C-alpha atoms as a PDB file:
ATOM      1  CA  MET A   1      42.418 -11.125  -2.492  1.00  0.00           C
ATOM      2  CA  LEU A   2      43.174  -8.558  -5.156  1.00  0.00           C
ATOM      3  CA  LYS A   3      46.688  -8.000  -6.415  1.00  0.00           C
ATOM      4  CA  VAL A   4      46.957  -4.299  -7.210  1.00  0.00           C
ATOM      5  CA  LYS A   5      49.530  -1.565  -7.186  1.00  0.00           C
ATOM      6  CA  SER A   6      50.024   0.328  -3.942  1.00  0.00           C
ATOM      7  CA  ASP A   7      48.764   3.536  -5.585  1.00  0.00           C
ATOM      8  CA  PHE A   8      45.365   2.146  -6.544  1.00  0.00           C
ATOM      9  CA  LEU A   9      43.704   4.798  -4.325  1.00  0.00           C
ATOM     10  CA  THR A  10      43.458   8.393  -5.449  1.00  0.00           C
ATOM     11  CA  LYS A  11      44.928  11.053  -3.200  1.00  0.00           C
ATOM     12  CA  ASP A  12      41.512  12.380  -2.140  1.00  0.00           C
ATOM     13  CA  GLN A  13      39.837   8.987  -1.770  1.00  0.00           C
ATOM     14  CA  VAL A  14      37.976   8.568   1.536  1.00  0.00           C
ATOM     15  CA  ILE A  15      39.091   5.485   3.441  1.00  0.00           C
ATOM     16  CA  TYR A  16      36.732   4.829   6.340  1.00  0.00           C
ATOM     17  CA  ASP A  17      37.999   3.432   9.610  1.00  0.00           C
ATOM     18  CA  VAL A  18      35.254   0.835   9.424  1.00  0.00           C
ATOM     19  CA  ALA A  19      32.523  -0.086   6.959  1.00  0.00           C
ATOM     20  CA  ILE A  20      29.537  -1.782   8.575  1.00  0.00           C
ATOM     21  CA  VAL A  21      27.588  -4.018   6.219  1.00  0.00           C
ATOM     22  CA  GLY A  22      24.041  -4.343   7.479  1.00  0.00           C
ATOM     23  CA  ALA A  23      21.853  -2.133   9.667  1.00  0.00           C
ATOM     24  CA  GLY A  24      20.126  -4.672  11.845  1.00  0.00           C
ATOM     25  CA  PRO A  25      20.653  -4.657  15.632  1.00  0.00           C
ATOM     26  CA  ALA A  26      24.315  -5.723  15.292  1.00  0.00           C
ATOM     27  CA  GLY A  27      25.176  -3.119  12.661  1.00  0.00           C
ATOM     28  CA  ILE A  28      23.228  -0.343  14.376  1.00  0.00           C
ATOM     29  CA  ALA A  29      24.884  -1.062  17.738  1.00  0.00           C
ATOM     30  CA  ALA A  30      28.305  -1.058  16.069  1.00  0.00           C
ATOM     31  CA  GLY A  31      27.447   2.229  14.375  1.00  0.00           C
ATOM     32  CA  ILE A  32      26.332   3.908  17.604  1.00  0.00           C
ATOM     33  CA  TYR A  33      29.393   2.815  19.560  1.00  0.00           C
ATOM     34  CA  GLY A  34      31.669   3.546  16.628  1.00  0.00           C
ATOM     35  CA  LYS A  35      30.411   7.106  16.230  1.00  0.00           C
ATOM     36  CA  ARG A  36      30.729   7.716  19.964  1.00  0.00           C
ATOM     37  CA  ALA A  37      34.321   6.460  19.710  1.00  0.00           C
ATOM     38  CA  ASN A  38      34.908   9.064  16.982  1.00  0.00           C
ATOM     39  CA  LEU A  39      35.548   6.492  14.270  1.00  0.00           C
ATOM     40  CA  ASN A  40      35.030   7.562  10.672  1.00  0.00           C
ATOM     41  CA  LEU A  41      32.518   4.932   9.642  1.00  0.00           C
ATOM     42  CA  ALA A  42      30.142   4.069   6.829  1.00  0.00           C
ATOM     43  CA  ILE A  43      27.035   1.909   7.044  1.00  0.00           C
ATOM     44  CA  ILE A  44      25.781  -0.075   4.066  1.00  0.00           C
ATOM     45  CA  GLU A  45      22.177  -1.270   3.994  1.00  0.00           C
ATOM     46  CA  GLY A  46      20.083  -2.071   0.941  1.00  0.00           C
ATOM     47  CA  SER A  47      16.890  -3.004   2.738  1.00  0.00           C
ATOM     48  CA  THR A  48      14.856  -1.627   5.634  1.00  0.00           C
ATOM     49  CA  PRO A  49      17.108  -0.694   8.594  1.00  0.00           C
ATOM     50  CA  GLY A  50      16.349  -2.787  11.657  1.00  0.00           C
ATOM     51  CA  GLY A  51      16.874  -6.199  10.097  1.00  0.00           C
ATOM     52  CA  LYS A  52      14.626  -9.079  11.127  1.00  0.00           C
ATOM     53  CA  VAL A  53      13.313  -6.956  14.008  1.00  0.00           C
ATOM     54  CA  VAL A  54      11.036  -5.006  11.660  1.00  0.00           C
ATOM     55  CA  LYS A  55       9.457  -8.278  10.499  1.00  0.00           C
ATOM     56  CA  THR A  56       8.589  -9.290  14.055  1.00  0.00           C
ATOM     57  CA  ASN A  57       5.122  -8.615  15.422  1.00  0.00           C
ATOM     58  CA  ILE A  58       5.730  -8.102  19.143  1.00  0.00           C
ATOM     59  CA  VAL A  59       8.976  -8.044  21.165  1.00  0.00           C
ATOM     60  CA  GLU A  60       8.462  -8.735  24.866  1.00  0.00           C
ATOM     61  CA  ASN A  61      11.949  -9.712  26.059  1.00  0.00           C
ATOM     62  CA  TYR A  62      13.993  -6.615  25.226  1.00  0.00           C
ATOM     63  CA  PRO A  63      15.124  -4.724  28.360  1.00  0.00           C
ATOM     64  CA  GLY A  64      13.393  -1.392  28.784  1.00  0.00           C
ATOM     65  CA  TYR A  65      10.267  -2.389  26.873  1.00  0.00           C
ATOM     66  CA  LYS A  66       7.693  -4.705  28.413  1.00  0.00           C
ATOM     67  CA  SER A  67       6.094  -4.926  24.987  1.00  0.00           C
ATOM     68  CA  ILE A  68       6.903  -3.136  21.734  1.00  0.00           C
ATOM     69  CA  THR A  69       6.228  -3.911  18.097  1.00  0.00           C
ATOM     70  CA  GLY A  70       9.204  -5.015  16.043  1.00  0.00           C
ATOM     71  CA  PRO A  71       8.880  -2.122  13.556  1.00  0.00           C
ATOM     72  CA  ASP A  72       8.728   0.406  16.413  1.00  0.00           C
ATOM     73  CA  LEU A  73      11.827  -1.052  18.075  1.00  0.00           C
ATOM     74  CA  GLY A  74      13.686  -1.090  14.764  1.00  0.00           C
ATOM     75  CA  LEU A  75      12.749   2.535  14.153  1.00  0.00           C
ATOM     76  CA  GLU A  76      13.914   3.545  17.642  1.00  0.00           C
ATOM     77  CA  MET A  77      17.287   1.908  16.983  1.00  0.00           C
ATOM     78  CA  TYR A  78      17.616   3.493  13.546  1.00  0.00           C
ATOM     79  CA  ASN A  79      16.712   6.986  14.808  1.00  0.00           C
ATOM     80  CA  HIS A  80      19.286   6.662  17.612  1.00  0.00           C
ATOM     81  CA  LEU A  81      21.940   5.895  15.021  1.00  0.00           C
ATOM     82  CA  ILE A  82      20.867   8.596  12.573  1.00  0.00           C
ATOM     83  CA  ASP A  83      21.056  11.243  15.309  1.00  0.00           C
ATOM     84  CA  LEU A  84      24.814  10.597  15.362  1.00  0.00           C
ATOM     85  CA  GLU A  85      25.023  11.446  11.635  1.00  0.00           C
ATOM     86  CA  PRO A  86      26.898   8.445  10.213  1.00  0.00           C
ATOM     87  CA  THR A  87      27.592   8.116   6.507  1.00  0.00           C
ATOM     88  CA  PHE A  88      24.907   5.865   5.058  1.00  0.00           C
ATOM     89  CA  PHE A  89      24.964   4.019   1.742  1.00  0.00           C
ATOM     90  CA  TYR A  90      21.489   2.734   0.886  1.00  0.00           C
ATOM     91  CA  ALA A  91      22.621  -0.098  -1.388  1.00  0.00           C
ATOM     92  CA  ASN A  92      23.468  -3.795  -1.282  1.00  0.00           C
ATOM     93  CA  LEU A  93      26.968  -5.190  -1.071  1.00  0.00           C
ATOM     94  CA  ILE A  94      27.752  -7.276  -4.144  1.00  0.00           C
ATOM     95  CA  LYS A  95      31.365  -8.175  -3.423  1.00  0.00           C
ATOM     96  CA  LEU A  96      33.999  -7.562  -0.789  1.00  0.00           C
ATOM     97  CA  ASP A  97      37.702  -7.597  -1.667  1.00  0.00           C
ATOM     98  CA  LYS A  98      40.919  -6.668   0.064  1.00  0.00           C
ATOM     99  CA  ALA A  99      43.998  -5.067  -1.474  1.00  0.00           C
ATOM    100  CA  ALA A 100      47.027  -4.653   0.779  1.00  0.00           C
ATOM    101  CA  ASP A 101      45.520  -3.288   4.027  1.00  0.00           C
ATOM    102  CA  THR A 102      42.404  -1.773   2.469  1.00  0.00           C
ATOM    103  CA  PHE A 103      39.007  -3.360   1.975  1.00  0.00           C
ATOM    104  CA  ILE A 104      37.072  -2.589  -1.209  1.00  0.00           C
ATOM    105  CA  LEU A 105      33.279  -2.868  -1.103  1.00  0.00           C
ATOM    106  CA  TYR A 106      31.390  -2.979  -4.394  1.00  0.00           C
ATOM    107  CA  LEU A 107      27.726  -1.946  -4.096  1.00  0.00           C
ATOM    108  CA  ASP A 108      24.849  -2.661  -6.463  1.00  0.00           C
ATOM    109  CA  ASP A 109      24.394   1.042  -7.268  1.00  0.00           C
ATOM    110  CA  LYS A 110      27.973   1.008  -8.666  1.00  0.00           C
ATOM    111  CA  THR A 111      29.367   2.839  -5.624  1.00  0.00           C
ATOM    112  CA  VAL A 112      32.749   1.626  -4.366  1.00  0.00           C
ATOM    113  CA  VAL A 113      33.559   2.082  -0.671  1.00  0.00           C
ATOM    114  CA  PHE A 114      37.052   1.793   0.865  1.00  0.00           C
ATOM    115  CA  ALA A 115      37.717   0.949   4.502  1.00  0.00           C
ATOM    116  CA  LYS A 116      40.489  -0.111   6.859  1.00  0.00           C
ATOM    117  CA  THR A 117      38.221  -2.661   8.558  1.00  0.00           C
ATOM    118  CA  VAL A 118      34.808  -4.190   7.911  1.00  0.00           C
ATOM    119  CA  ILE A 119      32.075  -5.437  10.220  1.00  0.00           C
ATOM    120  CA  TYR A 120      30.005  -7.943   8.283  1.00  0.00           C
ATOM    121  CA  ALA A 121      26.531  -7.927   9.853  1.00  0.00           C
ATOM    122  CA  THR A 122      24.252  -9.049   7.044  1.00  0.00           C
ATOM    123  CA  GLY A 123      21.997 -11.262   9.120  1.00  0.00           C
ATOM    124  CA  MET A 124      20.275 -14.247   7.509  1.00  0.00           C
ATOM    125  CA  LEU A 125      17.873 -15.179   4.722  1.00  0.00           C
ATOM    126  CA  GLU A 126      14.658 -17.090   5.345  1.00  0.00           C
ATOM    127  CA  ARG A 127      15.000 -20.773   4.508  1.00  0.00           C
ATOM    128  CA  LYS A 128      12.548 -21.887   1.837  1.00  0.00           C
ATOM    129  CA  LEU A 129      10.235 -24.864   2.025  1.00  0.00           C
ATOM    130  CA  GLY A 130      12.051 -26.497  -0.864  1.00  0.00           C
ATOM    131  CA  VAL A 131       8.945 -27.647  -2.739  1.00  0.00           C
ATOM    132  CA  ALA A 132       7.901 -27.162  -6.354  1.00  0.00           C
ATOM    133  CA  LYS A 133       6.265 -23.855  -7.386  1.00  0.00           C
ATOM    134  CA  GLU A 134       7.436 -22.049  -4.229  1.00  0.00           C
ATOM    135  CA  ASP A 135       9.042 -19.243  -6.217  1.00  0.00           C
ATOM    136  CA  HIS A 136       6.035 -19.129  -8.550  1.00  0.00           C
ATOM    137  CA  PHE A 137       3.669 -18.471  -5.637  1.00  0.00           C
ATOM    138  CA  TYR A 138       5.894 -15.899  -3.925  1.00  0.00           C
ATOM    139  CA  GLY A 139       3.690 -12.831  -3.408  1.00  0.00           C
ATOM    140  CA  LYS A 140       0.680 -14.868  -4.566  1.00  0.00           C
ATOM    141  CA  GLY A 141       0.178 -17.104  -1.566  1.00  0.00           C
ATOM    142  CA  ILE A 142       3.696 -17.561  -0.209  1.00  0.00           C
ATOM    143  CA  SER A 143       5.074 -14.903   2.146  1.00  0.00           C
ATOM    144  CA  TYR A 144       8.009 -14.857   4.530  1.00  0.00           C
ATOM    145  CA  CYS A 145       6.736 -11.828   6.461  1.00  0.00           C
ATOM    146  CA  ALA A 146       3.420 -11.963   8.315  1.00  0.00           C
ATOM    147  CA  ILE A 147       3.756  -8.379   9.506  1.00  0.00           C
ATOM    148  CA  CYS A 148       4.194  -7.223   5.903  1.00  0.00           C
ATOM    149  CA  ASP A 149       1.450  -9.250   4.231  1.00  0.00           C
ATOM    150  CA  GLY A 150      -0.841 -10.546   6.966  1.00  0.00           C
ATOM    151  CA  SER A 151      -3.436  -7.824   6.486  1.00  0.00           C
ATOM    152  CA  LEU A 152      -3.921  -8.991   2.888  1.00  0.00           C
ATOM    153  CA  TYR A 153      -5.465 -12.179   4.258  1.00  0.00           C
ATOM    154  CA  LYS A 154      -7.891 -10.707   6.776  1.00  0.00           C
ATOM    155  CA  ASP A 155     -10.783 -13.130   7.440  1.00  0.00           C
ATOM    156  CA  GLN A 156      -9.133 -15.752   5.228  1.00  0.00           C
ATOM    157  CA  VAL A 157      -7.404 -19.063   5.920  1.00  0.00           C
ATOM    158  CA  VAL A 158      -3.615 -19.106   6.284  1.00  0.00           C
ATOM    159  CA  GLY A 159      -0.883 -21.492   7.301  1.00  0.00           C
ATOM    160  CA  VAL A 160       2.297 -21.021   9.323  1.00  0.00           C
ATOM    161  CA  VAL A 161       5.112 -23.558   9.023  1.00  0.00           C
ATOM    162  CA  GLY A 162       7.609 -23.943  11.862  1.00  0.00           C
ATOM    163  CA  GLY A 163       8.031 -24.538  15.558  1.00  0.00           C
ATOM    164  CA  GLY A 164      10.408 -21.831  16.755  1.00  0.00           C
ATOM    165  CA  ASN A 165       9.770 -18.432  18.294  1.00  0.00           C
ATOM    166  CA  SER A 166       9.316 -16.712  14.933  1.00  0.00           C
ATOM    167  CA  ALA A 167       6.660 -19.185  13.799  1.00  0.00           C
ATOM    168  CA  ILE A 168       4.686 -18.969  17.038  1.00  0.00           C
ATOM    169  CA  GLN A 169       4.858 -15.168  17.289  1.00  0.00           C
ATOM    170  CA  GLU A 170       3.720 -14.712  13.699  1.00  0.00           C
ATOM    171  CA  ALA A 171       0.949 -17.274  14.135  1.00  0.00           C
ATOM    172  CA  LEU A 172      -0.282 -15.264  17.134  1.00  0.00           C
ATOM    173  CA  TYR A 173      -0.229 -12.122  15.024  1.00  0.00           C
ATOM    174  CA  LEU A 174      -2.102 -13.736  12.139  1.00  0.00           C
ATOM    175  CA  ALA A 175      -4.680 -15.284  14.474  1.00  0.00           C
ATOM    176  CA  GLY A 176      -5.832 -11.771  15.314  1.00  0.00           C
ATOM    177  CA  MET A 177      -6.997 -11.155  11.737  1.00  0.00           C
ATOM    178  CA  ALA A 178      -7.318 -14.452   9.885  1.00  0.00           C
ATOM    179  CA  LYS A 179     -10.374 -16.686   9.946  1.00  0.00           C
ATOM    180  CA  THR A 180      -8.236 -19.749  10.623  1.00  0.00           C
ATOM    181  CA  VAL A 181      -4.515 -20.294  11.161  1.00  0.00           C
ATOM    182  CA  HIS A 182      -3.067 -23.746  10.483  1.00  0.00           C
ATOM    183  CA  LEU A 183       0.179 -24.252  12.405  1.00  0.00           C
ATOM    184  CA  ILE A 184       2.286 -26.939  10.703  1.00  0.00           C
ATOM    185  CA  HIS A 185       5.302 -28.413  12.496  1.00  0.00           C
ATOM    186  CA  ARG A 186       7.431 -31.413  11.578  1.00  0.00           C
ATOM    187  CA  ARG A 187       7.492 -32.856  15.090  1.00  0.00           C
ATOM    188  CA  GLU A 188       5.559 -32.682  18.371  1.00  0.00           C
ATOM    189  CA  GLY A 189       8.104 -30.752  20.419  1.00  0.00           C
ATOM    190  CA  PHE A 190       8.618 -26.997  20.050  1.00  0.00           C
ATOM    191  CA  ARG A 191      11.676 -24.766  20.460  1.00  0.00           C
ATOM    192  CA  ALA A 192       9.466 -21.739  21.028  1.00  0.00           C
ATOM    193  CA  ASP A 193       8.896 -19.821  24.244  1.00  0.00           C
ATOM    194  CA  GLU A 194       6.385 -21.768  26.330  1.00  0.00           C
ATOM    195  CA  THR A 195       4.366 -18.685  27.302  1.00  0.00           C
ATOM    196  CA  ALA A 196       3.770 -17.689  23.675  1.00  0.00           C
ATOM    197  CA  LEU A 197       3.051 -21.290  22.723  1.00  0.00           C
ATOM    198  CA  ASN A 198       0.388 -21.614  25.417  1.00  0.00           C
ATOM    199  CA  LYS A 199      -1.266 -18.411  24.192  1.00  0.00           C
ATOM    200  CA  LEU A 200      -1.463 -19.898  20.721  1.00  0.00           C
ATOM    201  CA  ARG A 201      -2.853 -23.206  21.970  1.00  0.00           C
ATOM    202  CA  ASN A 202      -5.711 -21.391  23.704  1.00  0.00           C
ATOM    203  CA  LEU A 203      -6.898 -19.581  20.583  1.00  0.00           C
ATOM    204  CA  PRO A 204     -10.055 -21.079  19.024  1.00  0.00           C
ATOM    205  CA  ASN A 205      -9.095 -20.280  15.418  1.00  0.00           C
ATOM    206  CA  VAL A 206      -5.709 -22.027  15.463  1.00  0.00           C
ATOM    207  CA  VAL A 207      -5.393 -25.627  14.272  1.00  0.00           C
ATOM    208  CA  PHE A 208      -2.201 -27.585  15.021  1.00  0.00           C
ATOM    209  CA  HIS A 209      -0.818 -30.116  12.531  1.00  0.00           C
ATOM    210  CA  LEU A 210       2.068 -31.843  14.318  1.00  0.00           C
ATOM    211  CA  ASN A 211       4.440 -34.307  12.664  1.00  0.00           C
ATOM    212  CA  TYR A 212       3.663 -32.858   9.240  1.00  0.00           C
ATOM    213  CA  THR A 213       5.654 -31.153   6.497  1.00  0.00           C
ATOM    214  CA  VAL A 214       4.507 -29.365   3.353  1.00  0.00           C
ATOM    215  CA  LYS A 215       4.734 -31.778   0.406  1.00  0.00           C
ATOM    216  CA  GLU A 216       2.970 -29.837  -2.357  1.00  0.00           C
ATOM    217  CA  LEU A 217       1.595 -26.380  -3.177  1.00  0.00           C
ATOM    218  CA  LEU A 218      -1.722 -26.262  -5.024  1.00  0.00           C
ATOM    219  CA  GLY A 219      -3.120 -23.690  -7.414  1.00  0.00           C
ATOM    220  CA  ASN A 220      -2.511 -22.062 -10.791  1.00  0.00           C
ATOM    221  CA  ASN A 221      -1.843 -18.315 -10.663  1.00  0.00           C
ATOM    222  CA  THR A 222      -2.401 -18.069  -6.903  1.00  0.00           C
ATOM    223  CA  LEU A 223      -2.062 -20.540  -4.057  1.00  0.00           C
ATOM    224  CA  ASN A 224      -5.312 -22.182  -2.984  1.00  0.00           C
ATOM    225  CA  GLY A 225      -4.159 -25.140  -0.932  1.00  0.00           C
ATOM    226  CA  ILE A 226      -1.346 -27.372   0.288  1.00  0.00           C
ATOM    227  CA  VAL A 227      -0.719 -31.083   0.701  1.00  0.00           C
ATOM    228  CA  LEU A 228       0.820 -32.166   4.008  1.00  0.00           C
ATOM    229  CA  GLN A 229       2.761 -35.376   4.594  1.00  0.00           C
ATOM    230  CA  ASN A 230       3.008 -37.071   7.956  1.00  0.00           C
ATOM    231  CA  THR A 231       6.619 -37.544   9.071  1.00  0.00           C
ATOM    232  CA  LEU A 232       5.791 -40.809  10.869  1.00  0.00           C
ATOM    233  CA  ASP A 233       3.551 -42.857   8.557  1.00  0.00           C
ATOM    234  CA  HIS A 234       3.941 -40.768   5.343  1.00  0.00           C
ATOM    235  CA  SER A 235       0.177 -40.360   4.943  1.00  0.00           C
ATOM    236  CA  THR A 236      -1.025 -37.151   3.262  1.00  0.00           C
ATOM    237  CA  LYS A 237      -3.866 -34.711   3.674  1.00  0.00           C
ATOM    238  CA  GLN A 238      -4.976 -31.554   1.878  1.00  0.00           C
ATOM    239  CA  ILE A 239      -5.760 -28.162   3.408  1.00  0.00           C
ATOM    240  CA  ASP A 240      -7.517 -25.397   1.485  1.00  0.00           C
ATOM    241  CA  LEU A 241      -6.008 -22.012   2.322  1.00  0.00           C
ATOM    242  CA  ASN A 242      -5.000 -18.658   0.851  1.00  0.00           C
ATOM    243  CA  CYS A 243      -1.438 -18.131   2.052  1.00  0.00           C
ATOM    244  CA  VAL A 244       1.455 -19.967   3.709  1.00  0.00           C
ATOM    245  CA  PHE A 245       4.046 -18.241   5.903  1.00  0.00           C
ATOM    246  CA  PRO A 246       7.182 -20.434   6.276  1.00  0.00           C
ATOM    247  CA  TYR A 247       9.300 -19.888   9.396  1.00  0.00           C
ATOM    248  CA  ILE A 248      11.573 -22.931   9.243  1.00  0.00           C
ATOM    249  CA  GLY A 249      14.951 -21.363   9.862  1.00  0.00           C
ATOM    250  CA  PHE A 250      17.491 -19.195   8.128  1.00  0.00           C
ATOM    251  CA  GLU A 251      20.638 -19.339   6.010  1.00  0.00           C
ATOM    252  CA  SER A 252      23.709 -17.133   6.318  1.00  0.00           C
ATOM    253  CA  ILE A 253      24.298 -14.460   3.652  1.00  0.00           C
ATOM    254  CA  THR A 254      27.875 -15.104   2.569  1.00  0.00           C
ATOM    255  CA  LYS A 255      27.833 -14.733  -1.215  1.00  0.00           C
ATOM    256  CA  PRO A 256      29.651 -11.338  -1.217  1.00  0.00           C
ATOM    257  CA  VAL A 257      32.565 -12.936   0.673  1.00  0.00           C
ATOM    258  CA  GLU A 258      32.506 -16.535  -0.562  1.00  0.00           C
ATOM    259  CA  HIS A 259      35.640 -16.039  -2.714  1.00  0.00           C
ATOM    260  CA  LEU A 260      37.698 -15.014   0.345  1.00  0.00           C
ATOM    261  CA  ASN A 261      37.815 -18.607   1.652  1.00  0.00           C
ATOM    262  CA  LEU A 262      36.773 -17.610   5.142  1.00  0.00           C
ATOM    263  CA  LYS A 263      36.331 -20.214   7.859  1.00  0.00           C
ATOM    264  CA  LEU A 264      32.686 -21.327   8.027  1.00  0.00           C
ATOM    265  CA  ASP A 265      30.840 -23.770  10.235  1.00  0.00           C
ATOM    266  CA  PRO A 266      29.027 -26.769   8.657  1.00  0.00           C
ATOM    267  CA  GLN A 267      25.879 -24.661   8.246  1.00  0.00           C
ATOM    268  CA  GLY A 268      27.741 -21.944   6.347  1.00  0.00           C
ATOM    269  CA  PHE A 269      27.930 -19.315   9.104  1.00  0.00           C
ATOM    270  CA  LEU A 270      31.088 -17.256   9.651  1.00  0.00           C
ATOM    271  CA  ILE A 271      33.421 -18.478  12.399  1.00  0.00           C
ATOM    272  CA  THR A 272      34.946 -15.781  14.620  1.00  0.00           C
ATOM    273  CA  ASN A 273      36.898 -15.525  17.844  1.00  0.00           C
ATOM    274  CA  GLU A 274      35.567 -13.757  20.951  1.00  0.00           C
ATOM    275  CA  GLN A 275      36.535 -10.377  19.462  1.00  0.00           C
ATOM    276  CA  MET A 276      34.350 -11.158  16.413  1.00  0.00           C
ATOM    277  CA  GLU A 277      37.405 -11.439  14.154  1.00  0.00           C
ATOM    278  CA  THR A 278      37.053 -13.770  11.171  1.00  0.00           C
ATOM    279  CA  SER A 279      39.919 -15.699   9.596  1.00  0.00           C
ATOM    280  CA  LEU A 280      40.758 -12.646   7.433  1.00  0.00           C
ATOM    281  CA  LYS A 281      42.590  -9.880   9.281  1.00  0.00           C
ATOM    282  CA  GLY A 282      40.497  -6.736   9.580  1.00  0.00           C
ATOM    283  CA  LEU A 283      37.202  -8.454   8.747  1.00  0.00           C
ATOM    284  CA  PHE A 284      34.784  -8.901  11.631  1.00  0.00           C
ATOM    285  CA  ALA A 285      31.405 -10.639  11.729  1.00  0.00           C
ATOM    286  CA  ALA A 286      28.528  -9.749  14.043  1.00  0.00           C
ATOM    287  CA  GLY A 287      24.951 -10.838  14.548  1.00  0.00           C
ATOM    288  CA  ASP A 288      23.063 -13.676  12.934  1.00  0.00           C
ATOM    289  CA  CYS A 289      25.564 -14.268  10.096  1.00  0.00           C
ATOM    290  CA  ARG A 290      28.103 -15.411  12.704  1.00  0.00           C
ATOM    291  CA  SER A 291      28.406 -19.003  13.909  1.00  0.00           C
ATOM    292  CA  LYS A 292      26.748 -19.033  17.343  1.00  0.00           C
ATOM    293  CA  HIS A 293      24.283 -20.945  19.468  1.00  0.00           C
ATOM    294  CA  PHE A 294      21.801 -18.200  20.362  1.00  0.00           C
ATOM    295  CA  ARG A 295      20.448 -15.654  17.876  1.00  0.00           C
ATOM    296  CA  GLN A 296      18.550 -12.903  19.648  1.00  0.00           C
ATOM    297  CA  ILE A 297      18.360  -9.113  19.416  1.00  0.00           C
ATOM    298  CA  GLY A 298      20.497  -8.830  22.546  1.00  0.00           C
ATOM    299  CA  THR A 299      23.195 -11.211  21.327  1.00  0.00           C
ATOM    300  CA  ALA A 300      23.418  -9.388  17.983  1.00  0.00           C
ATOM    301  CA  ILE A 301      23.890  -6.063  19.770  1.00  0.00           C
ATOM    302  CA  ASN A 302      26.596  -7.660  21.915  1.00  0.00           C
ATOM    303  CA  ASP A 303      28.461  -8.847  18.806  1.00  0.00           C
ATOM    304  CA  GLY A 304      28.330  -5.434  17.145  1.00  0.00           C
ATOM    305  CA  ILE A 305      29.612  -3.626  20.218  1.00  0.00           C
ATOM    306  CA  ILE A 306      32.497  -6.055  20.757  1.00  0.00           C
ATOM    307  CA  ALA A 307      33.528  -5.838  17.097  1.00  0.00           C
ATOM    308  CA  VAL A 308      33.614  -2.048  16.898  1.00  0.00           C
ATOM    309  CA  LEU A 309      35.318  -1.592  20.270  1.00  0.00           C
ATOM    310  CA  THR A 310      37.991  -4.076  19.196  1.00  0.00           C
ATOM    311  CA  ILE A 311      38.488  -2.008  16.044  1.00  0.00           C
ATOM    312  CA  ARG A 312      38.707   1.161  18.137  1.00  0.00           C
ATOM    313  CA  ASP A 313      41.488  -0.372  20.186  1.00  0.00           C
ATOM    314  CA  VAL A 314      43.577  -1.608  17.248  1.00  0.00           C
ATOM    315  CA  LEU A 315      43.348   1.382  14.903  1.00  0.00           C
END
């Protein structure tokens, strides 16, 4: 933490009751409840509001909507929040510090925000395949967002890597436009919803490659194929395709707070108590960046609400 004089703030400096970092479901829910509780709050978001929701094709398990696209649901949430007129900073958090009882948030547009409390709701980053040339092919045959880039590969051959809900949902989406979808999973069992998985199995243009991982990416300027390796006998095979969409998990975004020596779980996610309080007084964590067993839209909203209502009660 910073060691500064007690008069480091100017007399007219705005100190928000709470700064919410991230405008995914957790941050948006915290913002809505915080505004309704008459808290003076600021929301910081450097990407598209809505978080991972806007990168999801179809959401069919959110109460009130039998079926809604991820972008539409994200927009509904964002519009609800904006109607309450919160202060919004459209920038990324670079570093979070604390001096005395005040948090200092440094943003990448050189703005500095001050707050009494912080709700850290940054979500997660897509985990990479970890093979050579992955960064080279990003945007040229490697994409982490089927909803964003799927239309670029209409009537072409694509691959989806993963066995969770995200992988299966995006494979279903891509199957509606691609010539062939290769679904690559490192084992035979799936963590995905059985209903969605059965839909995918019944599609004629989807090919399953179970017990395989991606060993190599092929091509020069653009991706034109991959080499798969069997996890059981280590044999390999090549598939010619135009794009690969990895959905193999996520990593917590903790770089802006790594110097604060917060308690993390073995996977690097922030540990909190039931009130969403981290090991640093006044700093809360909500949503997918928090150590938890289930990561869903509903559980993220729950985290955000609990965090901001706890802040309301202690301020």
